[in-house]
Amino acid sequence: MKHTPKRLSAALIVGAMAFAACGSDGNDAAPVEAEMAAEAGTIVDVAVANGSFDTLVAAVTAAGLVETLSSTGPFTVFAPTDDAFAALPAGLVDALLLPENQATLVKILTYHVVSGEVMAADVTDGDVGTVEGQTIALSTADGVTVNGANVIIADVAASNGVIHAIDAVLLPPDVDPAALLG
């Protein structure tokens, strides 16, 4: 199913209004896994078709990163699910979507992207540079984690890289959510 930018924006607005009341039931993997079984094109195409990444896709659209994440790559994307975005402080997604915060939104989204294609079996413990410029900490101690967020579905192939669904939104150390909400 294709989503237009207007449809994505509408979905984000509706979803953002529900964020304060939503939370994870701890079983994020089942619906994501069921819908991520087949390759559907670029990273953006796969995320759009999945249905568990509507907020991420809307944010990528608002940040102007659709063309970048649809380019040749390869990229590894640690993709927060809709439930991960729902766990953010109330109002944060709305604040990030304001035009004056676009640079911060781009910073957050590119903090989830690593150049190259890194499959879960190839992950080693340590810091890895992101497209944003800072590092994220990868660990394999209890499954694959990134900055403490769990990879709940690994190795989802796309024509220009791989997606690993994660259960939290990663915030760069120099992004202050309270400042965005103030």
N, C-alpha and C. Protein backbone atom coordinates (compact mmCIF):
# COMPACT_ATOMS: atom_id res chain seq x y z
N MET A 1 0.84 -1.17 0.00
CA MET A 1 0.00 0.00 0.00
C MET A 1 0.88 1.23 0.00
N LYS A 2 0.66 2.16 -0.88
CA LYS A 2 1.42 3.39 -0.96
C LYS A 2 0.75 4.44 -0.08
N HIS A 3 1.57 5.28 0.56
CA HIS A 3 1.08 6.39 1.36
C HIS A 3 1.54 7.67 0.71
N THR A 4 0.64 8.64 0.59
CA THR A 4 1.03 9.94 0.09
C THR A 4 1.51 10.77 1.26
N PRO A 5 2.29 11.85 1.00
CA PRO A 5 2.73 12.70 2.10
C PRO A 5 1.56 13.25 2.91
N LYS A 6 0.44 13.62 2.27
CA LYS A 6 -0.72 14.12 3.02
C LYS A 6 -1.26 13.04 3.94
N ARG A 7 -1.34 11.82 3.45
CA ARG A 7 -1.86 10.73 4.25
C ARG A 7 -0.92 10.43 5.42
N LEU A 8 0.39 10.48 5.15
CA LEU A 8 1.36 10.25 6.22
C LEU A 8 1.27 11.34 7.27
N SER A 9 1.12 12.58 6.85
CA SER A 9 1.02 13.68 7.80
C SER A 9 -0.23 13.53 8.66
N ALA A 10 -1.33 13.16 8.03
CA ALA A 10 -2.56 12.96 8.78
C ALA A 10 -2.41 11.82 9.78
N ALA A 11 -1.77 10.74 9.35
CA ALA A 11 -1.56 9.61 10.25
C ALA A 11 -0.68 10.00 11.42
N LEU A 12 0.33 10.82 11.16
CA LEU A 12 1.22 11.24 12.24
C LEU A 12 0.48 12.12 13.23
N ILE A 13 -0.32 13.03 12.74
CA ILE A 13 -1.05 13.92 13.64
C ILE A 13 -1.99 13.12 14.53
N VAL A 14 -2.74 12.20 13.94
CA VAL A 14 -3.64 11.36 14.73
C VAL A 14 -2.85 10.52 15.73
N GLY A 15 -1.75 9.92 15.25
CA GLY A 15 -0.93 9.09 16.13
C GLY A 15 -0.28 9.90 17.23
N ALA A 16 0.17 11.10 16.91
CA ALA A 16 0.84 11.94 17.91
C ALA A 16 -0.12 12.35 19.01
N MET A 17 -1.39 12.58 18.67
CA MET A 17 -2.36 12.95 19.69
C MET A 17 -2.59 11.80 20.67
N ALA A 18 -2.37 10.59 20.23
CA ALA A 18 -2.60 9.43 21.09
C ALA A 18 -1.35 9.02 21.87
N PHE A 19 -0.20 9.64 21.60
CA PHE A 19 1.05 9.21 22.22
C PHE A 19 1.00 9.24 23.74
N ALA A 20 0.41 10.25 24.32
CA ALA A 20 0.43 10.37 25.78
C ALA A 20 -0.29 9.20 26.44
N ALA A 21 -1.28 8.65 25.77
CA ALA A 21 -2.05 7.56 26.35
C ALA A 21 -1.54 6.18 25.96
N CYS A 22 -0.66 6.12 24.98
CA CYS A 22 -0.19 4.83 24.49
C CYS A 22 1.05 4.38 25.21
N GLY A 23 1.26 3.08 25.20
CA GLY A 23 2.47 2.51 25.75
C GLY A 23 2.69 1.14 25.16
N SER A 24 3.83 0.60 25.39
CA SER A 24 4.14 -0.72 24.87
C SER A 24 3.64 -1.79 25.81
N ASP A 25 3.08 -2.84 25.25
CA ASP A 25 2.66 -3.97 26.07
C ASP A 25 3.78 -4.99 26.19
N GLY A 26 4.94 -4.66 25.67
CA GLY A 26 6.08 -5.56 25.76
C GLY A 26 6.10 -6.64 24.69
N ASN A 27 5.13 -6.65 23.79
CA ASN A 27 5.06 -7.66 22.75
C ASN A 27 5.07 -7.00 21.38
N ASP A 28 6.06 -6.14 21.16
CA ASP A 28 6.15 -5.41 19.90
C ASP A 28 6.52 -6.29 18.73
N ALA A 29 7.21 -7.38 18.95
CA ALA A 29 7.80 -8.15 17.87
C ALA A 29 6.78 -8.86 16.99
N ALA A 30 5.73 -9.40 17.55
CA ALA A 30 4.81 -10.23 16.77
C ALA A 30 4.20 -9.50 15.58
N PRO A 31 3.55 -8.32 15.75
CA PRO A 31 2.97 -7.69 14.57
C PRO A 31 4.03 -7.20 13.59
N VAL A 32 5.16 -6.73 14.08
CA VAL A 32 6.21 -6.25 13.20
C VAL A 32 6.77 -7.41 12.39
N GLU A 33 7.07 -8.51 13.06
CA GLU A 33 7.66 -9.66 12.39
C GLU A 33 6.75 -10.21 11.30
N ALA A 34 5.47 -10.28 11.59
CA ALA A 34 4.53 -10.84 10.62
C ALA A 34 4.47 -10.01 9.35
N GLU A 35 4.64 -8.69 9.48
CA GLU A 35 4.50 -7.83 8.33
C GLU A 35 5.81 -7.54 7.63
N MET A 36 6.95 -7.98 8.17
CA MET A 36 8.24 -7.66 7.57
C MET A 36 8.84 -8.86 6.87
N ALA A 37 8.03 -9.79 6.47
CA ALA A 37 8.54 -11.04 5.93
C ALA A 37 9.13 -10.90 4.52
N ALA A 38 8.63 -9.98 3.72
CA ALA A 38 9.08 -9.92 2.33
C ALA A 38 9.72 -8.58 2.00
N GLU A 39 10.71 -8.62 1.13
CA GLU A 39 11.35 -7.40 0.66
C GLU A 39 10.37 -6.65 -0.23
N ALA A 40 10.28 -5.34 -0.04
CA ALA A 40 9.33 -4.55 -0.82
C ALA A 40 9.97 -3.34 -1.47
N GLY A 41 11.28 -3.35 -1.67
CA GLY A 41 11.93 -2.21 -2.30
C GLY A 41 12.92 -1.56 -1.37
N THR A 42 13.00 -0.23 -1.45
CA THR A 42 13.96 0.52 -0.64
C THR A 42 13.58 0.47 0.84
N ILE A 43 14.46 0.98 1.67
CA ILE A 43 14.19 1.05 3.10
C ILE A 43 12.88 1.79 3.35
N VAL A 44 12.65 2.89 2.65
CA VAL A 44 11.41 3.64 2.83
C VAL A 44 10.21 2.80 2.38
N ASP A 45 10.32 2.13 1.25
CA ASP A 45 9.23 1.29 0.75
C ASP A 45 8.87 0.20 1.76
N VAL A 46 9.88 -0.45 2.32
CA VAL A 46 9.66 -1.52 3.29
C VAL A 46 8.95 -0.97 4.53
N ALA A 47 9.43 0.18 5.01
CA ALA A 47 8.82 0.78 6.20
C ALA A 47 7.38 1.20 5.94
N VAL A 48 7.11 1.78 4.78
CA VAL A 48 5.75 2.19 4.44
C VAL A 48 4.83 0.98 4.36
N ALA A 49 5.27 -0.08 3.71
CA ALA A 49 4.44 -1.27 3.52
C ALA A 49 4.18 -2.00 4.82
N ASN A 50 5.07 -1.86 5.78
CA ASN A 50 4.97 -2.63 7.01
C ASN A 50 3.78 -2.27 7.87
N GLY A 51 3.51 -1.00 8.09
CA GLY A 51 2.40 -0.60 8.93
C GLY A 51 2.76 -0.40 10.39
N SER A 52 3.94 -0.82 10.83
CA SER A 52 4.37 -0.61 12.22
C SER A 52 5.35 0.55 12.35
N PHE A 53 5.57 1.26 11.24
CA PHE A 53 6.53 2.36 11.22
C PHE A 53 5.90 3.64 10.67
N ASP A 54 4.59 3.81 10.85
CA ASP A 54 3.92 4.99 10.31
C ASP A 54 4.51 6.29 10.85
N THR A 55 4.81 6.33 12.14
CA THR A 55 5.37 7.54 12.74
C THR A 55 6.76 7.81 12.19
N LEU A 56 7.57 6.77 12.09
CA LEU A 56 8.92 6.93 11.53
C LEU A 56 8.85 7.44 10.10
N VAL A 57 8.01 6.86 9.29
CA VAL A 57 7.90 7.27 7.89
C VAL A 57 7.42 8.72 7.80
N ALA A 58 6.46 9.09 8.64
CA ALA A 58 5.97 10.46 8.64
C ALA A 58 7.08 11.43 9.07
N ALA A 59 7.88 11.03 10.04
CA ALA A 59 9.00 11.87 10.49
C ALA A 59 10.06 11.99 9.40
N VAL A 60 10.36 10.89 8.74
CA VAL A 60 11.33 10.90 7.64
C VAL A 60 10.83 11.84 6.54
N THR A 61 9.54 11.81 6.26
CA THR A 61 8.95 12.69 5.26
C THR A 61 9.06 14.15 5.70
N ALA A 62 8.69 14.43 6.96
CA ALA A 62 8.75 15.81 7.47
C ALA A 62 10.18 16.34 7.49
N ALA A 63 11.14 15.46 7.70
CA ALA A 63 12.54 15.87 7.75
C ALA A 63 13.17 16.02 6.36
N GLY A 64 12.44 15.59 5.33
CA GLY A 64 12.98 15.68 3.97
C GLY A 64 14.02 14.62 3.67
N LEU A 65 13.92 13.46 4.34
CA LEU A 65 14.92 12.40 4.17
C LEU A 65 14.45 11.23 3.31
N VAL A 66 13.27 11.31 2.73
CA VAL A 66 12.75 10.20 1.93
C VAL A 66 13.69 9.90 0.76
N GLU A 67 14.10 10.92 0.04
CA GLU A 67 14.97 10.72 -1.12
C GLU A 67 16.31 10.11 -0.69
N THR A 68 16.86 10.59 0.40
CA THR A 68 18.14 10.07 0.90
C THR A 68 18.03 8.59 1.24
N LEU A 69 16.98 8.21 2.00
CA LEU A 69 16.82 6.82 2.42
C LEU A 69 16.27 5.93 1.31
N SER A 70 15.96 6.52 0.17
CA SER A 70 15.56 5.75 -1.00
C SER A 70 16.69 5.64 -2.00
N SER A 71 17.82 6.30 -1.70
CA SER A 71 18.96 6.27 -2.62
C SER A 71 19.70 4.94 -2.54
N THR A 72 20.75 4.82 -3.31
CA THR A 72 21.48 3.57 -3.47
C THR A 72 21.96 2.95 -2.16
N GLY A 73 22.47 3.77 -1.24
CA GLY A 73 22.98 3.21 0.00
C GLY A 73 24.28 2.47 -0.22
N PRO A 74 24.52 1.40 0.49
CA PRO A 74 23.61 0.74 1.43
C PRO A 74 23.62 1.42 2.80
N PHE A 75 22.50 1.25 3.51
CA PHE A 75 22.31 1.79 4.85
C PHE A 75 21.86 0.68 5.77
N THR A 76 22.18 0.84 7.04
CA THR A 76 21.59 0.03 8.09
C THR A 76 20.77 0.99 8.92
N VAL A 77 19.48 0.72 9.06
CA VAL A 77 18.60 1.59 9.82
C VAL A 77 18.09 0.84 11.04
N PHE A 78 18.32 1.43 12.20
CA PHE A 78 17.73 0.94 13.45
C PHE A 78 16.41 1.70 13.58
N ALA A 79 15.32 1.04 13.18
CA ALA A 79 14.03 1.69 12.98
C ALA A 79 13.11 1.54 14.19
N PRO A 80 12.84 2.65 14.89
CA PRO A 80 11.89 2.58 16.00
C PRO A 80 10.48 2.30 15.50
N THR A 81 9.79 1.41 16.19
CA THR A 81 8.40 1.10 15.86
C THR A 81 7.50 2.24 16.32
N ASP A 82 6.25 2.18 15.91
CA ASP A 82 5.27 3.16 16.39
C ASP A 82 5.17 3.13 17.91
N ASP A 83 5.25 1.94 18.51
CA ASP A 83 5.21 1.84 19.97
C ASP A 83 6.41 2.54 20.61
N ALA A 84 7.56 2.49 19.95
CA ALA A 84 8.75 3.18 20.47
C ALA A 84 8.52 4.70 20.48
N PHE A 85 7.95 5.22 19.41
CA PHE A 85 7.64 6.65 19.38
C PHE A 85 6.58 7.00 20.43
N ALA A 86 5.63 6.10 20.65
CA ALA A 86 4.58 6.35 21.64
C ALA A 86 5.14 6.46 23.05
N ALA A 87 6.29 5.87 23.30
CA ALA A 87 6.89 5.91 24.63
C ALA A 87 7.66 7.21 24.90
N LEU A 88 7.83 8.06 23.90
CA LEU A 88 8.49 9.35 24.11
C LEU A 88 7.61 10.25 24.97
N PRO A 89 8.19 11.25 25.61
CA PRO A 89 7.38 12.19 26.40
C PRO A 89 6.27 12.81 25.56
N ALA A 90 5.13 13.00 26.19
CA ALA A 90 3.97 13.59 25.51
C ALA A 90 4.35 14.92 24.87
N GLY A 91 3.97 15.09 23.62
CA GLY A 91 4.20 16.32 22.90
C GLY A 91 5.53 16.41 22.17
N LEU A 92 6.45 15.48 22.42
CA LEU A 92 7.78 15.57 21.81
C LEU A 92 7.73 15.38 20.29
N VAL A 93 6.97 14.42 19.81
CA VAL A 93 6.89 14.22 18.36
C VAL A 93 6.27 15.45 17.70
N ASP A 94 5.22 15.99 18.29
CA ASP A 94 4.61 17.20 17.74
C ASP A 94 5.62 18.34 17.68
N ALA A 95 6.42 18.50 18.74
CA ALA A 95 7.44 19.56 18.77
C ALA A 95 8.48 19.34 17.68
N LEU A 96 8.88 18.09 17.49
CA LEU A 96 9.90 17.80 16.47
C LEU A 96 9.40 18.08 15.06
N LEU A 97 8.10 18.00 14.86
CA LEU A 97 7.54 18.22 13.53
C LEU A 97 7.36 19.69 13.18
N LEU A 98 7.58 20.58 14.16
CA LEU A 98 7.49 22.00 13.87
C LEU A 98 8.64 22.40 12.95
N PRO A 99 8.37 23.29 11.99
CA PRO A 99 9.43 23.68 11.04
C PRO A 99 10.70 24.18 11.72
N GLU A 100 10.57 24.87 12.83
CA GLU A 100 11.75 25.40 13.50
C GLU A 100 12.61 24.30 14.15
N ASN A 101 12.08 23.08 14.25
CA ASN A 101 12.84 21.97 14.84
C ASN A 101 13.26 20.93 13.81
N GLN A 102 13.16 21.26 12.52
CA GLN A 102 13.48 20.28 11.48
C GLN A 102 14.93 19.80 11.58
N ALA A 103 15.85 20.69 11.88
CA ALA A 103 17.27 20.29 11.99
C ALA A 103 17.45 19.26 13.12
N THR A 104 16.73 19.44 14.21
CA THR A 104 16.82 18.48 15.32
C THR A 104 16.20 17.15 14.92
N LEU A 105 15.09 17.19 14.19
CA LEU A 105 14.46 15.97 13.70
C LEU A 105 15.41 15.21 12.78
N VAL A 106 16.07 15.91 11.87
CA VAL A 106 17.04 15.28 10.99
C VAL A 106 18.17 14.66 11.81
N LYS A 107 18.64 15.37 12.83
CA LYS A 107 19.71 14.87 13.70
C LYS A 107 19.29 13.57 14.37
N ILE A 108 18.08 13.53 14.90
CA ILE A 108 17.59 12.32 15.57
C ILE A 108 17.45 11.16 14.59
N LEU A 109 16.86 11.42 13.44
CA LEU A 109 16.64 10.34 12.47
C LEU A 109 17.94 9.80 11.91
N THR A 110 18.89 10.66 11.59
CA THR A 110 20.15 10.19 11.04
C THR A 110 21.02 9.52 12.10
N TYR A 111 20.70 9.74 13.37
CA TYR A 111 21.38 9.05 14.47
C TYR A 111 21.00 7.56 14.50
N HIS A 112 19.94 7.20 13.81
CA HIS A 112 19.48 5.81 13.71
C HIS A 112 20.05 5.08 12.49
N VAL A 113 20.91 5.74 11.71
CA VAL A 113 21.38 5.20 10.44
C VAL A 113 22.89 5.04 10.45
N VAL A 114 23.33 3.88 9.99
CA VAL A 114 24.75 3.57 9.85
C VAL A 114 25.02 3.31 8.37
N SER A 115 26.12 3.84 7.87
CA SER A 115 26.50 3.57 6.48
C SER A 115 26.88 2.11 6.33
N GLY A 116 26.52 1.52 5.21
CA GLY A 116 26.81 0.12 4.95
C GLY A 116 25.68 -0.77 5.41
N GLU A 117 25.80 -2.03 5.04
CA GLU A 117 24.78 -3.02 5.41
C GLU A 117 25.36 -3.93 6.49
N VAL A 118 24.80 -3.82 7.69
CA VAL A 118 25.29 -4.60 8.82
C VAL A 118 24.18 -5.57 9.27
N MET A 119 24.40 -6.84 9.01
CA MET A 119 23.44 -7.86 9.44
C MET A 119 23.67 -8.16 10.92
N ALA A 120 22.65 -8.64 11.60
CA ALA A 120 22.73 -8.89 13.04
C ALA A 120 23.89 -9.82 13.39
N ALA A 121 24.14 -10.83 12.57
CA ALA A 121 25.21 -11.78 12.84
C ALA A 121 26.59 -11.12 12.77
N ASP A 122 26.68 -9.96 12.10
CA ASP A 122 27.95 -9.26 11.95
C ASP A 122 28.19 -8.19 13.02
N VAL A 123 27.19 -7.97 13.88
CA VAL A 123 27.32 -6.95 14.92
C VAL A 123 28.33 -7.42 15.96
N THR A 124 29.23 -6.51 16.32
CA THR A 124 30.17 -6.76 17.41
C THR A 124 29.99 -5.66 18.44
N ASP A 125 30.36 -5.97 19.67
CA ASP A 125 30.24 -4.99 20.75
C ASP A 125 31.16 -3.80 20.49
N GLY A 126 30.61 -2.61 20.71
CA GLY A 126 31.43 -1.41 20.57
C GLY A 126 30.65 -0.26 19.97
N ASP A 127 31.34 0.85 19.84
CA ASP A 127 30.74 2.05 19.28
C ASP A 127 30.88 2.07 17.77
N VAL A 128 29.83 2.55 17.11
CA VAL A 128 29.80 2.63 15.65
C VAL A 128 29.34 4.04 15.28
N GLY A 129 29.98 4.63 14.29
CA GLY A 129 29.60 5.96 13.82
C GLY A 129 28.29 5.93 13.05
N THR A 130 27.48 6.95 13.27
CA THR A 130 26.20 7.07 12.57
C THR A 130 26.33 8.09 11.45
N VAL A 131 25.34 8.12 10.57
CA VAL A 131 25.29 9.12 9.52
C VAL A 131 25.22 10.52 10.13
N GLU A 132 24.62 10.64 11.31
CA GLU A 132 24.50 11.92 12.01
C GLU A 132 25.86 12.45 12.43
N GLY A 133 26.82 11.55 12.69
CA GLY A 133 28.17 11.97 13.06
C GLY A 133 28.62 11.52 14.44
N GLN A 134 27.70 11.19 15.31
CA GLN A 134 28.06 10.69 16.63
C GLN A 134 28.03 9.16 16.60
N THR A 135 28.38 8.55 17.71
CA THR A 135 28.41 7.09 17.75
C THR A 135 27.24 6.54 18.55
N ILE A 136 26.90 5.30 18.23
CA ILE A 136 25.94 4.52 19.00
C ILE A 136 26.67 3.30 19.53
N ALA A 137 26.21 2.79 20.67
CA ALA A 137 26.85 1.64 21.30
C ALA A 137 26.07 0.38 20.95
N LEU A 138 26.74 -0.55 20.28
CA LEU A 138 26.14 -1.84 19.94
C LEU A 138 26.60 -2.88 20.94
N SER A 139 25.69 -3.79 21.29
CA SER A 139 26.02 -4.88 22.21
C SER A 139 25.32 -6.14 21.75
N THR A 140 25.96 -7.27 22.04
CA THR A 140 25.37 -8.57 21.72
C THR A 140 25.19 -9.42 22.98
N ALA A 141 25.31 -8.80 24.16
CA ALA A 141 25.24 -9.54 25.43
C ALA A 141 23.91 -10.26 25.61
N ASP A 142 22.81 -9.60 25.36
CA ASP A 142 21.46 -10.18 25.49
C ASP A 142 20.68 -9.96 24.22
N GLY A 143 21.13 -10.55 23.12
CA GLY A 143 20.56 -10.22 21.83
C GLY A 143 21.23 -8.94 21.37
N VAL A 144 20.87 -8.45 20.23
CA VAL A 144 21.48 -7.21 19.73
C VAL A 144 20.75 -6.02 20.33
N THR A 145 21.53 -5.09 20.90
CA THR A 145 20.98 -3.84 21.40
C THR A 145 21.79 -2.68 20.83
N VAL A 146 21.15 -1.54 20.75
CA VAL A 146 21.78 -0.31 20.30
C VAL A 146 21.41 0.78 21.30
N ASN A 147 22.43 1.31 21.98
CA ASN A 147 22.22 2.29 23.06
C ASN A 147 21.18 1.78 24.05
N GLY A 148 21.15 0.48 24.28
CA GLY A 148 20.21 -0.12 25.23
C GLY A 148 18.86 -0.50 24.65
N ALA A 149 18.54 -0.02 23.46
CA ALA A 149 17.28 -0.40 22.80
C ALA A 149 17.44 -1.79 22.21
N ASN A 150 16.43 -2.60 22.35
CA ASN A 150 16.46 -3.97 21.84
C ASN A 150 16.11 -4.04 20.37
N VAL A 151 16.89 -4.81 19.62
CA VAL A 151 16.51 -5.13 18.24
C VAL A 151 15.47 -6.24 18.36
N ILE A 152 14.22 -5.91 18.00
CA ILE A 152 13.13 -6.88 18.16
C ILE A 152 12.89 -7.70 16.89
N ILE A 153 13.30 -7.16 15.75
CA ILE A 153 13.28 -7.89 14.48
C ILE A 153 14.55 -7.48 13.74
N ALA A 154 15.34 -8.46 13.35
CA ALA A 154 16.62 -8.17 12.71
C ALA A 154 16.60 -8.57 11.24
N ASP A 155 17.50 -7.96 10.50
CA ASP A 155 17.83 -8.38 9.14
C ASP A 155 16.67 -8.32 8.15
N VAL A 156 15.92 -7.24 8.17
CA VAL A 156 14.86 -7.07 7.18
C VAL A 156 15.50 -6.45 5.94
N ALA A 157 15.53 -7.23 4.88
CA ALA A 157 16.22 -6.81 3.66
C ALA A 157 15.45 -5.74 2.91
N ALA A 158 16.20 -4.81 2.36
CA ALA A 158 15.67 -3.81 1.44
C ALA A 158 16.66 -3.72 0.28
N SER A 159 16.24 -3.14 -0.80
CA SER A 159 17.12 -3.06 -1.97
C SER A 159 18.35 -2.19 -1.72
N ASN A 160 18.29 -1.32 -0.73
CA ASN A 160 19.41 -0.42 -0.47
C ASN A 160 19.94 -0.54 0.96
N GLY A 161 19.74 -1.70 1.57
CA GLY A 161 20.28 -1.90 2.91
C GLY A 161 19.46 -2.87 3.72
N VAL A 162 19.50 -2.64 5.03
CA VAL A 162 18.82 -3.54 5.96
C VAL A 162 18.20 -2.72 7.09
N ILE A 163 17.08 -3.22 7.59
CA ILE A 163 16.38 -2.59 8.71
C ILE A 163 16.41 -3.54 9.89
N HIS A 164 16.68 -2.97 11.06
CA HIS A 164 16.54 -3.68 12.32
C HIS A 164 15.51 -2.89 13.13
N ALA A 165 14.35 -3.49 13.41
CA ALA A 165 13.32 -2.81 14.20
C ALA A 165 13.77 -2.77 15.66
N ILE A 166 13.63 -1.59 16.29
CA ILE A 166 14.02 -1.44 17.69
C ILE A 166 12.85 -0.94 18.51
N ASP A 167 12.95 -1.16 19.83
CA ASP A 167 11.83 -0.86 20.73
C ASP A 167 11.95 0.49 21.45
N ALA A 168 12.85 1.36 21.00
CA ALA A 168 12.99 2.69 21.59
C ALA A 168 13.52 3.65 20.54
N VAL A 169 13.23 4.93 20.73
CA VAL A 169 13.78 5.97 19.87
C VAL A 169 15.12 6.39 20.48
N LEU A 170 16.14 6.43 19.66
CA LEU A 170 17.47 6.83 20.10
C LEU A 170 17.60 8.35 20.00
N LEU A 171 18.00 8.97 21.09
CA LEU A 171 18.22 10.42 21.07
C LEU A 171 19.71 10.69 21.20
N PRO A 172 20.27 11.47 20.28
CA PRO A 172 21.68 11.83 20.41
C PRO A 172 21.93 12.50 21.77
N PRO A 173 23.11 12.33 22.33
CA PRO A 173 23.39 12.90 23.65
C PRO A 173 23.21 14.41 23.74
N ASP A 174 23.37 15.12 22.63
CA ASP A 174 23.25 16.57 22.66
C ASP A 174 21.84 17.08 22.31
N VAL A 175 20.85 16.18 22.29
CA VAL A 175 19.45 16.60 22.08
C VAL A 175 18.75 16.55 23.44
N ASP A 176 18.21 17.69 23.83
CA ASP A 176 17.52 17.80 25.12
C ASP A 176 16.01 17.84 24.88
N PRO A 177 15.31 16.72 25.16
CA PRO A 177 13.87 16.70 24.93
C PRO A 177 13.13 17.78 25.71
N ALA A 178 13.57 18.09 26.92
CA ALA A 178 12.90 19.11 27.75
C ALA A 178 12.95 20.48 27.07
N ALA A 179 14.08 20.77 26.41
CA ALA A 179 14.20 22.06 25.72
C ALA A 179 13.21 22.15 24.56
N LEU A 180 12.97 21.03 23.89
CA LEU A 180 12.01 21.01 22.78
C LEU A 180 10.58 21.18 23.27
N LEU A 181 10.32 20.71 24.47
CA LEU A 181 8.97 20.77 25.03
C LEU A 181 8.70 22.10 25.73
N GLY A 182 9.77 22.84 26.05
CA GLY A 182 9.64 24.10 26.80
C GLY A 182 9.21 25.21 25.95
